[in-house]
Protein backbone atom coordinates (compact mmCIF):
# COMPACT_ATOMS: atom_id res chain seq x y z
CA MET A 1 -7.97 -9.25 3.07
CA GLU A 2 -7.84 -5.51 2.57
CA ILE A 3 -6.36 -2.45 4.25
CA ILE A 4 -7.67 1.12 3.97
CA GLY A 5 -5.43 4.02 4.82
CA LEU A 6 -3.26 6.97 3.83
CA VAL A 7 0.00 6.60 1.94
CA LYS A 8 2.87 7.94 4.05
CA THR A 9 5.94 6.77 2.08
CA ILE A 10 6.62 5.02 -1.22
CA PHE A 11 10.06 3.43 -1.27
CA SER A 12 12.34 2.84 -4.25
CA ILE A 13 12.38 -0.42 -6.19
CA GLN A 14 14.82 -2.97 -4.78
CA VAL A 15 16.42 -5.51 -7.10
CA LEU A 16 17.60 -8.55 -5.16
CA LYS A 17 19.47 -11.67 -6.24
CA ASN A 18 18.25 -13.52 -9.32
CA GLY A 19 16.48 -10.37 -10.56
CA PHE A 20 13.77 -10.54 -7.88
CA LYS A 21 12.16 -7.08 -7.53
CA LYS A 22 10.17 -5.58 -4.70
CA ARG A 23 8.86 -2.17 -3.71
CA GLU A 24 7.40 -1.20 -0.37
CA ILE A 25 4.80 1.33 0.71
CA LEU A 26 4.07 2.65 4.20
CA VAL A 27 0.36 3.07 4.95
CA PHE A 28 -1.27 4.62 8.02
CA THR A 29 -4.42 2.53 8.51
CA GLU A 30 -7.95 3.74 9.21
CA GLU A 31 -9.26 1.59 12.03
CA GLN A 32 -10.00 1.78 15.74
CA TYR A 33 -6.29 1.49 16.54
CA PRO A 34 -4.46 2.96 13.50
CA GLN A 35 -1.14 1.40 12.56
CA ASN A 36 1.79 2.17 10.28
CA LEU A 37 2.03 -0.89 8.05
CA LEU A 38 4.79 -1.67 5.59
CA ILE A 39 3.33 -3.48 2.58
CA GLU A 40 5.47 -5.01 -0.15
CA PHE A 41 4.70 -5.45 -3.82
CA ILE A 42 6.77 -7.96 -5.74
CA GLN A 43 7.75 -8.65 -9.33
CA ASP A 44 5.12 -7.40 -11.83
CA LYS A 45 2.93 -5.99 -9.00
CA ILE A 46 5.41 -3.15 -8.33
CA LYS A 47 3.94 -1.27 -11.29
CA LEU A 48 0.71 -0.84 -9.27
CA LEU A 49 2.52 1.82 -7.22
CA ASP A 50 3.34 3.99 -10.27
CA SER A 51 0.11 5.99 -10.03
CA ILE A 52 0.05 6.24 -6.22
CA LYS A 53 1.18 9.40 -4.42
CA ILE A 54 1.94 10.31 -0.81
CA GLU A 55 -1.25 11.24 1.10
CA ASP A 56 -3.49 9.28 -1.32
CA ARG A 57 -6.30 7.44 0.46
CA ILE A 58 -6.22 3.86 -0.81
CA LYS A 59 -7.58 0.37 -0.37
CA ILE A 60 -4.92 -2.34 -0.72
CA PHE A 61 -5.82 -5.98 -1.18
CA ILE A 62 -3.25 -8.12 0.61
CA ASN A 63 -2.01 -11.60 1.38
CA LEU A 64 -0.23 -12.41 4.64
CA LYS A 65 2.92 -14.49 4.16
CA GLY A 66 4.96 -16.34 6.77
CA ARG A 67 8.28 -18.09 6.42
CA LYS A 68 10.73 -20.06 8.51
CA TRP A 69 14.45 -19.28 8.55
CA THR A 70 17.22 -21.25 10.21
CA THR A 71 20.25 -19.20 11.23
CA PRO A 72 23.78 -20.48 10.56
CA ASN A 73 24.02 -21.56 14.23
CA GLY A 74 20.79 -23.59 13.95
CA SER A 75 18.30 -21.25 15.61
CA VAL A 76 14.88 -21.21 13.98
CA LYS A 77 13.13 -17.88 13.40
CA TYR A 78 9.83 -17.00 11.77
CA PHE A 79 9.04 -13.88 9.75
CA ASN A 80 5.79 -12.41 8.47
CA SER A 81 5.22 -10.10 5.53
CA ILE A 82 2.27 -8.32 4.00
CA GLN A 83 2.12 -8.54 0.19
CA GLY A 84 -0.14 -6.30 -1.84
CA TRP A 85 -1.67 -7.51 -5.10
CA LYS A 86 -4.26 -4.83 -5.94
CA ILE A 87 -4.76 -1.11 -5.12
CA GLU A 88 -7.80 1.15 -5.45
CA LYS A 89 -7.69 4.90 -4.87
CA ILE A 90 -10.52 6.17 -2.69
CA VAL A 91 -12.01 9.52 -3.64
CA ASN A 92 -14.08 11.24 -0.96
CA LYS A 93 -16.90 13.60 -1.81
CA LYS A 94 -15.95 15.48 1.35
CA ASN A 95 -12.41 16.09 0.04
CA ILE A 96 -13.66 17.36 -3.33
CA SER A 97 -16.37 19.67 -1.98
CA SER A 98 -13.97 21.26 0.49
CA SER A 99 -11.52 22.24 -2.25
CA LYS A 100 -11.34 25.77 -3.64
CA THR A 101 -12.44 24.57 -7.07
CA ASP A 102 -15.79 25.77 -8.42
CA VAL A 103 -18.42 23.17 -7.47
CA ASN A 104 -19.95 23.31 -10.98
CA GLU A 105 -16.85 21.58 -12.35
CA PHE A 106 -18.01 18.41 -10.59
CA ASP A 107 -21.55 18.26 -11.96
CA ASP A 108 -20.68 15.13 -13.94
CA PHE A 109 -19.46 13.19 -10.86
CA PRO A 110 -21.91 10.48 -9.68
CA PHE A 111 -22.23 11.42 -6.00
């Protein structure tokens, strides 16, 4: 699956027990009913966020994860998470042509 949207927040790396690392990103989706989605990247995938900046337009490839948890009093609860495993930046011709930069600088771009 994939999600396209704008980066709203990039959170700090969290180091949990046993050295498990995760980093989350908040993305405002581009769809009929836009959503703010929190997407997590774990272990070696956290480095994918190093080149991403707030307000970047991106495509994130995701996996949906679900897990069961039993509370200490025996109640069963279920949780879902969205895990990212690949990111692509999306560059719009519209965004480039509307900038104040001289258009001739972009003669080498294939669009």
